[in-house]
Amino acid sequence: MKEIVLVRMAIDARTGAIDPAASFVVIPRRELQRLPGRGGLYEKEPGVIEQFPPSECQARFEAEWTVDGWKFGKRIADA
């Protein structure tokens, strides 16, 4: 079942700039946060990272939980 998750990019502590090469954090809805493995760090997901403009550090995405973790879909437009 598809869910909406918050993806937050890493920020370089020295420069304050977004670090697209670093891992990013996935924050699921509150009800899913208590389930093991649903939140946490992800890396090597170029399809997610390329949907971020250089000035934004977080966005919501459609995602589906699988045995391998979150499978990310499209970015959800901000309301």
C-alpha atoms as a PDB file:
ATOM      1  CA  MET A   1       0.000   0.000   0.000  1.00  0.00           C
ATOM      2  CA  LYS A   2       1.351   3.435  -0.903  1.00  0.00           C
ATOM      3  CA  GLU A   3       2.048   5.881   1.888  1.00  0.00           C
ATOM      4  CA  ILE A   4       3.244   9.481   2.043  1.00  0.00           C
ATOM      5  CA  VAL A   5       6.640   9.861   3.728  1.00  0.00           C
ATOM      6  CA  LEU A   6       8.747  12.894   4.523  1.00  0.00           C
ATOM      7  CA  VAL A   7      12.269  12.840   3.067  1.00  0.00           C
ATOM      8  CA  ARG A   8      14.824  15.165   4.646  1.00  0.00           C
ATOM      9  CA  MET A   9      18.173  15.774   2.944  1.00  0.00           C
ATOM     10  CA  ALA A  10      21.457  16.055   4.849  1.00  0.00           C
ATOM     11  CA  ILE A  11      22.922  19.498   5.523  1.00  0.00           C
ATOM     12  CA  ASP A  12      26.675  20.134   5.547  1.00  0.00           C
ATOM     13  CA  ALA A  13      27.396  21.470   9.048  1.00  0.00           C
ATOM     14  CA  ARG A  14      30.291  23.643   7.834  1.00  0.00           C
ATOM     15  CA  THR A  15      28.556  25.373   4.943  1.00  0.00           C
ATOM     16  CA  GLY A  16      24.846  24.970   5.698  1.00  0.00           C
ATOM     17  CA  ALA A  17      24.349  23.696   2.141  1.00  0.00           C
ATOM     18  CA  ILE A  18      22.366  20.611   1.193  1.00  0.00           C
ATOM     19  CA  ASP A  19      24.623  17.601   0.642  1.00  0.00           C
ATOM     20  CA  PRO A  20      23.076  15.526  -2.190  1.00  0.00           C
ATOM     21  CA  ALA A  21      25.851  12.917  -1.893  1.00  0.00           C
ATOM     22  CA  ALA A  22      24.987  12.113   1.742  1.00  0.00           C
ATOM     23  CA  SER A  23      22.330   9.759   3.053  1.00  0.00           C
ATOM     24  CA  PHE A  24      18.860  11.178   3.590  1.00  0.00           C
ATOM     25  CA  VAL A  25      16.329  10.519   6.339  1.00  0.00           C
ATOM     26  CA  VAL A  26      12.890   9.016   5.781  1.00  0.00           C
ATOM     27  CA  ILE A  27      10.229   9.985   8.302  1.00  0.00           C
ATOM     28  CA  PRO A  28       6.973   8.027   7.902  1.00  0.00           C
ATOM     29  CA  ARG A  29       3.582   9.001   9.307  1.00  0.00           C
ATOM     30  CA  ARG A  30       3.352   8.812  13.094  1.00  0.00           C
ATOM     31  CA  GLU A  31       1.404   5.511  13.028  1.00  0.00           C
ATOM     32  CA  LEU A  32       4.189   3.832  11.033  1.00  0.00           C
ATOM     33  CA  GLN A  33       7.083   5.187  13.091  1.00  0.00           C
ATOM     34  CA  ARG A  34       6.619   2.529  15.769  1.00  0.00           C
ATOM     35  CA  LEU A  35       7.035  -0.293  13.230  1.00  0.00           C
ATOM     36  CA  PRO A  36      10.622  -1.579  12.959  1.00  0.00           C
ATOM     37  CA  GLY A  37      12.710  -0.217  10.105  1.00  0.00           C
ATOM     38  CA  ARG A  38      10.147   2.210   8.714  1.00  0.00           C
ATOM     39  CA  GLY A  39      12.135   5.351   9.471  1.00  0.00           C
ATOM     40  CA  GLY A  40      15.837   5.876   9.027  1.00  0.00           C
ATOM     41  CA  LEU A  41      18.684   6.592   6.662  1.00  0.00           C
ATOM     42  CA  TYR A  42      18.645   5.830   2.954  1.00  0.00           C
ATOM     43  CA  GLU A  43      21.339   6.306   0.364  1.00  0.00           C
ATOM     44  CA  LYS A  44      21.964   5.617  -3.295  1.00  0.00           C
ATOM     45  CA  GLU A  45      18.462   6.661  -4.326  1.00  0.00           C
ATOM     46  CA  PRO A  46      19.177   8.991  -7.253  1.00  0.00           C
ATOM     47  CA  GLY A  47      15.506   8.999  -8.296  1.00  0.00           C
ATOM     48  CA  VAL A  48      14.611  10.687  -5.010  1.00  0.00           C
ATOM     49  CA  ILE A  49      17.556  13.071  -4.870  1.00  0.00           C
ATOM     50  CA  GLU A  50      17.074  14.351  -8.419  1.00  0.00           C
ATOM     51  CA  GLN A  51      13.529  15.492  -7.554  1.00  0.00           C
ATOM     52  CA  PHE A  52      14.949  18.054  -5.094  1.00  0.00           C
ATOM     53  CA  PRO A  53      15.759  21.574  -6.283  1.00  0.00           C
ATOM     54  CA  PRO A  54      19.112  22.808  -4.883  1.00  0.00           C
ATOM     55  CA  SER A  55      17.436  25.090  -2.348  1.00  0.00           C
ATOM     56  CA  GLU A  56      15.084  22.570  -0.686  1.00  0.00           C
ATOM     57  CA  CYS A  57      16.011  20.167   2.081  1.00  0.00           C
ATOM     58  CA  GLN A  58      12.754  18.257   2.608  1.00  0.00           C
ATOM     59  CA  ALA A  59       9.726  17.050   0.656  1.00  0.00           C
ATOM     60  CA  ARG A  60       6.972  14.468   0.776  1.00  0.00           C
ATOM     61  CA  PHE A  61       7.049  11.415  -1.484  1.00  0.00           C
ATOM     62  CA  GLU A  62       4.781   8.535  -2.365  1.00  0.00           C
ATOM     63  CA  ALA A  63       6.428   5.364  -1.131  1.00  0.00           C
ATOM     64  CA  GLU A  64       5.545   1.729  -0.666  1.00  0.00           C
ATOM     65  CA  TRP A  65       6.995  -0.458   2.079  1.00  0.00           C
ATOM     66  CA  THR A  66       8.552  -3.670   0.719  1.00  0.00           C
ATOM     67  CA  VAL A  67      10.712  -6.420   2.214  1.00  0.00           C
ATOM     68  CA  ASP A  68      13.726  -4.399   1.003  1.00  0.00           C
ATOM     69  CA  GLY A  69      12.558  -1.115   2.593  1.00  0.00           C
ATOM     70  CA  TRP A  70      10.809   1.858   1.060  1.00  0.00           C
ATOM     71  CA  LYS A  71      10.319   1.919  -2.707  1.00  0.00           C
ATOM     72  CA  PHE A  72      10.009   5.598  -3.580  1.00  0.00           C
ATOM     73  CA  GLY A  73       7.704   7.061  -6.172  1.00  0.00           C
ATOM     74  CA  LYS A  74       6.991  10.606  -7.206  1.00  0.00           C
ATOM     75  CA  ARG A  75       7.333  13.701  -5.116  1.00  0.00           C
ATOM     76  CA  ILE A  76       4.082  15.111  -3.750  1.00  0.00           C
ATOM     77  CA  ALA A  77       3.475  18.770  -4.565  1.00  0.00           C
ATOM     78  CA  ASP A  78       3.489  21.065  -1.559  1.00  0.00           C
ATOM     79  CA  ALA A  79       0.075  22.405  -0.640  1.00  0.00           C
END
